[in-house]
Amino acid sequence: MKPPDPYSVPDHFAGKKSNRLGSLSAFAGIVTRKIALILNLKSSAPIKDGRILHAERVSANRFHQEVKLTSPADSDPIRLGWLKSADEMSGSSS
């Protein structure tokens, strides 16, 4: 059996404009745009990086940051680290 294409859209995403990632608590969200994906990450502190489009403090210890992804190359180690930290913060990973 051939593994799925890592950049294909899962069936449960089809036709939706936004989706949550995480099993217990959402650690990220994806919003589709015509030429990009907007990744909304949860964090315990603001991320100081020029690639953050928008940051919002949603509680005393939680922030949401938005990052624009326009190609698979945008999944660099730094952004993947942010995603991993968000997952660990939410308790989604076991």
PDB file of N, CA and C in Angstrom:
ATOM      1  N   MET A   1       0.842  -1.181   0.000  1.00  0.00           N
ATOM      2  CA  MET A   1       0.000   0.000   0.000  1.00  0.00           C
ATOM      3  C   MET A   1       0.888   1.246   0.000  1.00  0.00           C
ATOM      4  N   LYS A   2       0.599   2.159  -0.871  1.00  0.00           N
ATOM      5  CA  LYS A   2       1.371   3.395  -1.004  1.00  0.00           C
ATOM      6  C   LYS A   2       0.960   4.385   0.090  1.00  0.00           C
ATOM      7  N   PRO A   3       1.956   5.012   0.784  1.00  0.00           N
ATOM      8  CA  PRO A   3       1.595   5.998   1.798  1.00  0.00           C
ATOM      9  C   PRO A   3       0.926   7.216   1.156  1.00  0.00           C
ATOM     10  N   PRO A   4       0.065   7.902   1.902  1.00  0.00           N
ATOM     11  CA  PRO A   4      -0.608   9.077   1.339  1.00  0.00           C
ATOM     12  C   PRO A   4       0.372  10.204   1.048  1.00  0.00           C
ATOM     13  N   ASP A   5       0.051  11.001   0.066  1.00  0.00           N
ATOM     14  CA  ASP A   5       0.843  12.190  -0.257  1.00  0.00           C
ATOM     15  C   ASP A   5       0.761  13.137   0.943  1.00  0.00           C
ATOM     16  N   PRO A   6       1.908  13.575   1.505  1.00  0.00           N
ATOM     17  CA  PRO A   6       1.858  14.423   2.699  1.00  0.00           C
ATOM     18  C   PRO A   6       1.206  15.780   2.460  1.00  0.00           C
ATOM     19  N   TYR A   7       1.033  16.184   1.209  1.00  0.00           N
ATOM     20  CA  TYR A   7       0.419  17.481   0.930  1.00  0.00           C
ATOM     21  C   TYR A   7      -0.959  17.351   0.304  1.00  0.00           C
ATOM     22  N   SER A   8      -1.541  16.151   0.344  1.00  0.00           N
ATOM     23  CA  SER A   8      -2.895  15.989  -0.169  1.00  0.00           C
ATOM     24  C   SER A   8      -3.881  16.407   0.921  1.00  0.00           C
ATOM     25  N   VAL A   9      -5.094  16.675   0.519  1.00  0.00           N
ATOM     26  CA  VAL A   9      -6.125  17.107   1.456  1.00  0.00           C
ATOM     27  C   VAL A   9      -6.927  15.893   1.904  1.00  0.00           C
ATOM     28  N   PRO A  10      -6.948  15.593   3.212  1.00  0.00           N
ATOM     29  CA  PRO A  10      -7.736  14.457   3.688  1.00  0.00           C
ATOM     30  C   PRO A  10      -9.215  14.631   3.359  1.00  0.00           C
ATOM     31  N   ASP A  11      -9.920  13.522   3.203  1.00  0.00           N
ATOM     32  CA  ASP A  11     -11.341  13.567   2.849  1.00  0.00           C
ATOM     33  C   ASP A  11     -12.163  14.414   3.825  1.00  0.00           C
ATOM     34  N   HIS A  12     -11.849  14.323   5.124  1.00  0.00           N
ATOM     35  CA  HIS A  12     -12.649  15.075   6.098  1.00  0.00           C
ATOM     36  C   HIS A  12     -12.400  16.587   6.029  1.00  0.00           C
ATOM     37  N   PHE A  13     -11.383  17.042   5.275  1.00  0.00           N
ATOM     38  CA  PHE A  13     -11.138  18.463   5.060  1.00  0.00           C
ATOM     39  C   PHE A  13     -11.893  18.987   3.838  1.00  0.00           C
ATOM     40  N   ALA A  14     -12.271  18.100   2.934  1.00  0.00           N
ATOM     41  CA  ALA A  14     -12.854  18.504   1.654  1.00  0.00           C
ATOM     42  C   ALA A  14     -14.061  19.406   1.860  1.00  0.00           C
ATOM     43  N   GLY A  15     -14.074  20.526   1.169  1.00  0.00           N
ATOM     44  CA  GLY A  15     -15.202  21.439   1.195  1.00  0.00           C
ATOM     45  C   GLY A  15     -15.257  22.357   2.403  1.00  0.00           C
ATOM     46  N   LYS A  16     -14.341  22.232   3.328  1.00  0.00           N
ATOM     47  CA  LYS A  16     -14.342  23.093   4.512  1.00  0.00           C
ATOM     48  C   LYS A  16     -13.361  24.240   4.312  1.00  0.00           C
ATOM     49  N   LYS A  17     -13.660  25.360   4.943  1.00  0.00           N
ATOM     50  CA  LYS A  17     -12.761  26.504   4.866  1.00  0.00           C
ATOM     51  C   LYS A  17     -11.812  26.555   6.058  1.00  0.00           C
ATOM     52  N   SER A  18     -12.136  25.846   7.141  1.00  0.00           N
ATOM     53  CA  SER A  18     -11.245  25.814   8.297  1.00  0.00           C
ATOM     54  C   SER A  18     -11.365  24.473   9.005  1.00  0.00           C
ATOM     55  N   ASN A  19     -10.297  24.093   9.678  1.00  0.00           N
ATOM     56  CA  ASN A  19     -10.242  22.827  10.408  1.00  0.00           C
ATOM     57  C   ASN A  19      -9.375  22.982  11.634  1.00  0.00           C
ATOM     58  N   ARG A  20      -9.692  22.172  12.651  1.00  0.00           N
ATOM     59  CA  ARG A  20      -8.900  22.137  13.878  1.00  0.00           C
ATOM     60  C   ARG A  20      -7.982  20.932  13.844  1.00  0.00           C
ATOM     61  N   LEU A  21      -6.800  21.062  14.433  1.00  0.00           N
ATOM     62  CA  LEU A  21      -5.868  19.952  14.575  1.00  0.00           C
ATOM     63  C   LEU A  21      -5.725  19.649  16.058  1.00  0.00           C
ATOM     64  N   GLY A  22      -5.850  18.387  16.417  1.00  0.00           N
ATOM     65  CA  GLY A  22      -5.704  17.975  17.807  1.00  0.00           C
ATOM     66  C   GLY A  22      -6.827  17.054  18.212  1.00  0.00           C
ATOM     67  N   SER A  23      -6.514  16.105  19.087  1.00  0.00           N
ATOM     68  CA  SER A  23      -7.545  15.152  19.496  1.00  0.00           C
ATOM     69  C   SER A  23      -8.213  15.547  20.804  1.00  0.00           C
ATOM     70  N   LEU A  24      -7.455  15.973  21.805  1.00  0.00           N
ATOM     71  CA  LEU A  24      -8.044  16.367  23.084  1.00  0.00           C
ATOM     72  C   LEU A  24      -8.439  17.842  23.071  1.00  0.00           C
ATOM     73  N   SER A  25      -7.502  18.658  22.706  1.00  0.00           N
ATOM     74  CA  SER A  25      -7.696  20.102  22.640  1.00  0.00           C
ATOM     75  C   SER A  25      -7.014  20.570  21.360  1.00  0.00           C
ATOM     76  N   ALA A  26      -7.640  21.464  20.643  1.00  0.00           N
ATOM     77  CA  ALA A  26      -7.029  21.938  19.395  1.00  0.00           C
ATOM     78  C   ALA A  26      -5.714  22.639  19.708  1.00  0.00           C
ATOM     79  N   PHE A  27      -4.668  22.259  18.996  1.00  0.00           N
ATOM     80  CA  PHE A  27      -3.381  22.937  19.158  1.00  0.00           C
ATOM     81  C   PHE A  27      -3.096  23.847  17.981  1.00  0.00           C
ATOM     82  N   ALA A  28      -3.881  23.695  16.917  1.00  0.00           N
ATOM     83  CA  ALA A  28      -3.706  24.533  15.733  1.00  0.00           C
ATOM     84  C   ALA A  28      -4.983  24.481  14.902  1.00  0.00           C
ATOM     85  N   GLY A  29      -5.103  25.444  14.042  1.00  0.00           N
ATOM     86  CA  GLY A  29      -6.212  25.480  13.096  1.00  0.00           C
ATOM     87  C   GLY A  29      -5.675  25.831  11.731  1.00  0.00           C
ATOM     88  N   ILE A  30      -6.377  25.399  10.705  1.00  0.00           N
ATOM     89  CA  ILE A  30      -5.982  25.702   9.330  1.00  0.00           C
ATOM     90  C   ILE A  30      -7.156  26.373   8.647  1.00  0.00           C
ATOM     91  N   VAL A  31      -6.892  27.505   8.024  1.00  0.00           N
ATOM     92  CA  VAL A  31      -7.891  28.217   7.243  1.00  0.00           C
ATOM     93  C   VAL A  31      -7.396  28.251   5.810  1.00  0.00           C
ATOM     94  N   THR A  32      -8.242  27.864   4.879  1.00  0.00           N
ATOM     95  CA  THR A  32      -7.834  27.842   3.476  1.00  0.00           C
ATOM     96  C   THR A  32      -8.084  29.200   2.820  1.00  0.00           C
ATOM     97  N   ARG A  33      -7.163  29.573   1.973  1.00  0.00           N
ATOM     98  CA  ARG A  33      -7.274  30.761   1.127  1.00  0.00           C
ATOM     99  C   ARG A  33      -7.005  30.313  -0.302  1.00  0.00           C
ATOM    100  N   LYS A  34      -7.260  31.162  -1.275  1.00  0.00           N
ATOM    101  CA  LYS A  34      -7.056  30.776  -2.669  1.00  0.00           C
ATOM    102  C   LYS A  34      -5.622  30.363  -2.963  1.00  0.00           C
ATOM    103  N   ILE A  35      -4.651  31.083  -2.405  1.00  0.00           N
ATOM    104  CA  ILE A  35      -3.252  30.779  -2.732  1.00  0.00           C
ATOM    105  C   ILE A  35      -2.413  30.397  -1.524  1.00  0.00           C
ATOM    106  N   ALA A  36      -3.050  30.168  -0.372  1.00  0.00           N
ATOM    107  CA  ALA A  36      -2.269  29.852   0.831  1.00  0.00           C
ATOM    108  C   ALA A  36      -3.134  29.160   1.872  1.00  0.00           C
ATOM    109  N   LEU A  37      -2.466  28.634   2.875  1.00  0.00           N
ATOM    110  CA  LEU A  37      -3.106  28.154   4.087  1.00  0.00           C
ATOM    111  C   LEU A  37      -2.673  29.085   5.207  1.00  0.00           C
ATOM    112  N   ILE A  38      -3.589  29.415   6.092  1.00  0.00           N
ATOM    113  CA  ILE A  38      -3.250  30.194   7.274  1.00  0.00           C
ATOM    114  C   ILE A  38      -3.276  29.214   8.445  1.00  0.00           C
ATOM    115  N   LEU A  39      -2.135  29.048   9.085  1.00  0.00           N
ATOM    116  CA  LEU A  39      -1.992  28.152  10.217  1.00  0.00           C
ATOM    117  C   LEU A  39      -2.077  28.985  11.488  1.00  0.00           C
ATOM    118  N   ASN A  40      -3.058  28.675  12.347  1.00  0.00           N
ATOM    119  CA  ASN A  40      -3.231  29.370  13.610  1.00  0.00           C
ATOM    120  C   ASN A  40      -2.711  28.453  14.702  1.00  0.00           C
ATOM    121  N   LEU A  41      -1.626  28.852  15.348  1.00  0.00           N
ATOM    122  CA  LEU A  41      -0.952  28.045  16.364  1.00  0.00           C
ATOM    123  C   LEU A  41      -1.235  28.547  17.771  1.00  0.00           C
ATOM    124  N   LYS A  42      -1.369  27.621  18.695  1.00  0.00           N
ATOM    125  CA  LYS A  42      -1.491  27.948  20.112  1.00  0.00           C
ATOM    126  C   LYS A  42      -0.083  27.995  20.704  1.00  0.00           C
ATOM    127  N   SER A  43       0.178  28.948  21.608  1.00  0.00           N
ATOM    128  CA  SER A  43       1.467  29.002  22.292  1.00  0.00           C
ATOM    129  C   SER A  43       1.286  29.584  23.687  1.00  0.00           C
ATOM    130  N   SER A  44       2.285  29.377  24.529  1.00  0.00           N
ATOM    131  CA  SER A  44       2.224  29.907  25.894  1.00  0.00           C
ATOM    132  C   SER A  44       2.838  31.304  25.992  1.00  0.00           C
ATOM    133  N   ALA A  45       3.479  31.742  24.932  1.00  0.00           N
ATOM    134  CA  ALA A  45       4.088  33.076  24.887  1.00  0.00           C
ATOM    135  C   ALA A  45       4.050  33.574  23.448  1.00  0.00           C
ATOM    136  N   PRO A  46       4.122  34.889  23.253  1.00  0.00           N
ATOM    137  CA  PRO A  46       4.130  35.390  21.880  1.00  0.00           C
ATOM    138  C   PRO A  46       5.375  34.902  21.135  1.00  0.00           C
ATOM    139  N   ILE A  47       5.220  34.593  19.867  1.00  0.00           N
ATOM    140  CA  ILE A  47       6.349  34.184  19.026  1.00  0.00           C
ATOM    141  C   ILE A  47       6.852  35.433  18.310  1.00  0.00           C
ATOM    142  N   LYS A  48       8.098  35.765  18.537  1.00  0.00           N
ATOM    143  CA  LYS A  48       8.708  36.943  17.918  1.00  0.00           C
ATOM    144  C   LYS A  48       9.401  36.518  16.632  1.00  0.00           C
ATOM    145  N   ASP A  49       8.702  36.643  15.521  1.00  0.00           N
ATOM    146  CA  ASP A  49       9.252  36.249  14.226  1.00  0.00           C
ATOM    147  C   ASP A  49       8.512  37.041  13.157  1.00  0.00           C
ATOM    148  N   GLY A  50       9.229  37.499  12.167  1.00  0.00           N
ATOM    149  CA  GLY A  50       8.630  38.290  11.094  1.00  0.00           C
ATOM    150  C   GLY A  50       7.606  37.541  10.256  1.00  0.00           C
ATOM    151  N   ARG A  51       7.586  36.211  10.344  1.00  0.00           N
ATOM    152  CA  ARG A  51       6.633  35.421   9.559  1.00  0.00           C
ATOM    153  C   ARG A  51       5.270  35.304  10.236  1.00  0.00           C
ATOM    154  N   ILE A  52       5.147  35.801  11.468  1.00  0.00           N
ATOM    155  CA  ILE A  52       3.861  35.785  12.165  1.00  0.00           C
ATOM    156  C   ILE A  52       3.019  36.926  11.600  1.00  0.00           C
ATOM    157  N   LEU A  53       1.867  36.578  11.026  1.00  0.00           N
ATOM    158  CA  LEU A  53       0.978  37.586  10.444  1.00  0.00           C
ATOM    159  C   LEU A  53       0.197  38.345  11.511  1.00  0.00           C
ATOM    160  N   HIS A  54      -0.259  37.584  12.512  1.00  0.00           N
ATOM    161  CA  HIS A  54      -1.113  38.162  13.545  1.00  0.00           C
ATOM    162  C   HIS A  54      -0.904  37.374  14.824  1.00  0.00           C
ATOM    163  N   ALA A  55      -0.831  38.056  15.945  1.00  0.00           N
ATOM    164  CA  ALA A  55      -0.720  37.401  17.249  1.00  0.00           C
ATOM    165  C   ALA A  55      -1.777  37.991  18.162  1.00  0.00           C
ATOM    166  N   GLU A  56      -2.371  37.120  18.978  1.00  0.00           N
ATOM    167  CA  GLU A  56      -3.431  37.564  19.875  1.00  0.00           C
ATOM    168  C   GLU A  56      -3.307  36.833  21.207  1.00  0.00           C
ATOM    169  N   ARG A  57      -3.378  37.586  22.279  1.00  0.00           N
ATOM    170  CA  ARG A  57      -3.400  36.976  23.616  1.00  0.00           C
ATOM    171  C   ARG A  57      -4.849  36.605  23.899  1.00  0.00           C
ATOM    172  N   VAL A  58      -5.101  35.324  24.131  1.00  0.00           N
ATOM    173  CA  VAL A  58      -6.468  34.867  24.353  1.00  0.00           C
ATOM    174  C   VAL A  58      -6.748  34.546  25.819  1.00  0.00           C
ATOM    175  N   SER A  59      -5.707  34.407  26.633  1.00  0.00           N
ATOM    176  CA  SER A  59      -5.841  34.255  28.079  1.00  0.00           C
ATOM    177  C   SER A  59      -4.491  34.582  28.703  1.00  0.00           C
ATOM    178  N   ALA A  60      -4.397  34.468  30.016  1.00  0.00           N
ATOM    179  CA  ALA A  60      -3.161  34.829  30.709  1.00  0.00           C
ATOM    180  C   ALA A  60      -1.951  34.042  30.218  1.00  0.00           C
ATOM    181  N   ASN A  61      -2.145  32.783  29.878  1.00  0.00           N
ATOM    182  CA  ASN A  61      -1.029  31.930  29.474  1.00  0.00           C
ATOM    183  C   ASN A  61      -1.202  31.320  28.094  1.00  0.00           C
ATOM    184  N   ARG A  62      -2.015  31.933  27.245  1.00  0.00           N
ATOM    185  CA  ARG A  62      -2.225  31.355  25.925  1.00  0.00           C
ATOM    186  C   ARG A  62      -2.311  32.452  24.862  1.00  0.00           C
ATOM    187  N   PHE A  63      -1.623  32.196  23.766  1.00  0.00           N
ATOM    188  CA  PHE A  63      -1.594  33.108  22.625  1.00  0.00           C
ATOM    189  C   PHE A  63      -1.950  32.322  21.373  1.00  0.00           C
ATOM    190  N   HIS A  64      -2.517  32.996  20.406  1.00  0.00           N
ATOM    191  CA  HIS A  64      -2.729  32.426  19.081  1.00  0.00           C
ATOM    192  C   HIS A  64      -1.908  33.245  18.093  1.00  0.00           C
ATOM    193  N   GLN A  65      -1.153  32.560  17.250  1.00  0.00           N
ATOM    194  CA  GLN A  65      -0.345  33.221  16.217  1.00  0.00           C
ATOM    195  C   GLN A  65      -0.773  32.684  14.858  1.00  0.00           C
ATOM    196  N   GLU A  66      -0.818  33.539  13.867  1.00  0.00           N
ATOM    197  CA  GLU A  66      -1.159  33.129  12.508  1.00  0.00           C
ATOM    198  C   GLU A  66       0.071  33.182  11.616  1.00  0.00           C
ATOM    199  N   VAL A  67       0.263  32.110  10.831  1.00  0.00           N
ATOM    200  CA  VAL A  67       1.391  31.983   9.911  1.00  0.00           C
ATOM    201  C   VAL A  67       0.831  31.605   8.545  1.00  0.00           C
ATOM    202  N   LYS A  68       1.325  32.253   7.506  1.00  0.00           N
ATOM    203  CA  LYS A  68       0.890  31.967   6.134  1.00  0.00           C
ATOM    204  C   LYS A  68       1.799  30.911   5.510  1.00  0.00           C
ATOM    205  N   LEU A  69       1.189  29.875   4.939  1.00  0.00           N
ATOM    206  CA  LEU A  69       1.929  28.821   4.238  1.00  0.00           C
ATOM    207  C   LEU A  69       1.508  28.833   2.775  1.00  0.00           C
ATOM    208  N   THR A  70       2.471  29.048   1.878  1.00  0.00           N
ATOM    209  CA  THR A  70       2.148  29.112   0.449  1.00  0.00           C
ATOM    210  C   THR A  70       2.719  27.952  -0.352  1.00  0.00           C
ATOM    211  N   SER A  71       3.630  27.175   0.262  1.00  0.00           N
ATOM    212  CA  SER A  71       4.219  26.023  -0.428  1.00  0.00           C
ATOM    213  C   SER A  71       4.734  25.019   0.600  1.00  0.00           C
ATOM    214  N   PRO A  72       4.989  23.785   0.182  1.00  0.00           N
ATOM    215  CA  PRO A  72       5.559  22.805   1.112  1.00  0.00           C
ATOM    216  C   PRO A  72       6.886  23.272   1.725  1.00  0.00           C
ATOM    217  N   ALA A  73       7.620  24.108   1.013  1.00  0.00           N
ATOM    218  CA  ALA A  73       8.894  24.623   1.528  1.00  0.00           C
ATOM    219  C   ALA A  73       8.700  25.489   2.776  1.00  0.00           C
ATOM    220  N   ASP A  74       7.477  25.997   2.993  1.00  0.00           N
ATOM    221  CA  ASP A  74       7.197  26.803   4.186  1.00  0.00           C
ATOM    222  C   ASP A  74       7.172  25.963   5.458  1.00  0.00           C
ATOM    223  N   SER A  75       7.181  24.653   5.318  1.00  0.00           N
ATOM    224  CA  SER A  75       7.216  23.756   6.478  1.00  0.00           C
ATOM    225  C   SER A  75       8.658  23.546   6.915  1.00  0.00           C
ATOM    226  N   ASP A  76       9.327  24.637   7.261  1.00  0.00           N
ATOM    227  CA  ASP A  76      10.721  24.557   7.679  1.00  0.00           C
ATOM    228  C   ASP A  76      10.822  24.085   9.133  1.00  0.00           C
ATOM    229  N   PRO A  77      12.028  23.732   9.595  1.00  0.00           N
ATOM    230  CA  PRO A  77      12.184  23.216  10.966  1.00  0.00           C
ATOM    231  C   PRO A  77      11.684  24.174  12.057  1.00  0.00           C
ATOM    232  N   ILE A  78      11.787  25.459  11.846  1.00  0.00           N
ATOM    233  CA  ILE A  78      11.323  26.418  12.860  1.00  0.00           C
ATOM    234  C   ILE A  78       9.807  26.356  12.982  1.00  0.00           C
ATOM    235  N   ARG A  79       9.099  26.417  11.867  1.00  0.00           N
ATOM    236  CA  ARG A  79       7.627  26.350  11.903  1.00  0.00           C
ATOM    237  C   ARG A  79       7.153  24.997  12.406  1.00  0.00           C
ATOM    238  N   LEU A  80       7.842  23.927  12.030  1.00  0.00           N
ATOM    239  CA  LEU A  80       7.469  22.606  12.533  1.00  0.00           C
ATOM    240  C   LEU A  80       7.698  22.529  14.044  1.00  0.00           C
ATOM    241  N   GLY A  81       8.720  23.217  14.535  1.00  0.00           N
ATOM    242  CA  GLY A  81       8.959  23.288  15.980  1.00  0.00           C
ATOM    243  C   GLY A  81       7.829  24.009  16.697  1.00  0.00           C
ATOM    244  N   TRP A  82       7.322  25.088  16.098  1.00  0.00           N
ATOM    245  CA  TRP A  82       6.182  25.796  16.681  1.00  0.00           C
ATOM    246  C   TRP A  82       4.976  24.863  16.762  1.00  0.00           C
ATOM    247  N   LEU A  83       4.756  24.101  15.698  1.00  0.00           N
ATOM    248  CA  LEU A  83       3.628  23.175  15.650  1.00  0.00           C
ATOM    249  C   LEU A  83       3.774  22.084  16.716  1.00  0.00           C
ATOM    250  N   LYS A  84       4.979  21.561  16.869  1.00  0.00           N
ATOM    251  CA  LYS A  84       5.242  20.529  17.878  1.00  0.00           C
ATOM    252  C   LYS A  84       5.011  21.087  19.276  1.00  0.00           C
ATOM    253  N   SER A  85       5.481  22.288  19.537  1.00  0.00           N
ATOM    254  CA  SER A  85       5.271  22.924  20.850  1.00  0.00           C
ATOM    255  C   SER A  85       3.786  23.124  21.129  1.00  0.00           C
ATOM    256  N   ALA A  86       3.035  23.542  20.123  1.00  0.00           N
ATOM    257  CA  ALA A  86       1.594  23.734  20.275  1.00  0.00           C
ATOM    258  C   ALA A  86       0.918  22.410  20.600  1.00  0.00           C
ATOM    259  N   ASP A  87       1.323  21.352  19.934  1.00  0.00           N
ATOM    260  CA  ASP A  87       0.761  20.026  20.183  1.00  0.00           C
ATOM    261  C   ASP A  87       1.061  19.576  21.619  1.00  0.00           C
ATOM    262  N   GLU A  88       2.288  19.759  22.061  1.00  0.00           N
ATOM    263  CA  GLU A  88       2.666  19.383  23.425  1.00  0.00           C
ATOM    264  C   GLU A  88       1.906  20.201  24.457  1.00  0.00           C
ATOM    265  N   MET A  89       1.697  21.488  24.179  1.00  0.00           N
ATOM    266  CA  MET A  89       0.972  22.357  25.089  1.00  0.00           C
ATOM    267  C   MET A  89      -0.476  21.934  25.262  1.00  0.00           C
ATOM    268  N   SER A  90      -1.075  21.460  24.191  1.00  0.00           N
ATOM    269  CA  SER A  90      -2.490  21.092  24.226  1.00  0.00           C
ATOM    270  C   SER A  90      -2.729  19.713  24.816  1.00  0.00           C
ATOM    271  N   GLY A  91      -1.673  18.916  24.927  1.00  0.00           N
ATOM    272  CA  GLY A  91      -1.834  17.561  25.434  1.00  0.00           C
ATOM    273  C   GLY A  91      -2.345  16.598  24.392  1.00  0.00           C
ATOM    274  N   SER A  92      -2.286  16.992  23.104  1.00  0.00           N
ATOM    275  CA  SER A  92      -2.776  16.129  22.034  1.00  0.00           C
ATOM    276  C   SER A  92      -1.848  14.964  21.779  1.00  0.00           C
ATOM    277  N   SER A  93      -0.535  15.173  21.952  1.00  0.00           N
ATOM    278  CA  SER A  93       0.403  14.075  21.710  1.00  0.00           C
ATOM    279  C   SER A  93       0.459  13.181  22.927  1.00  0.00           C
ATOM    280  N   SER A  94       0.659  11.881  22.685  1.00  0.00           N
ATOM    281  CA  SER A  94       0.699  10.938  23.797  1.00  0.00           C
ATOM    282  C   SER A  94       2.081  10.369  23.944  1.00  0.00           C
TER     283      SER A  94
END
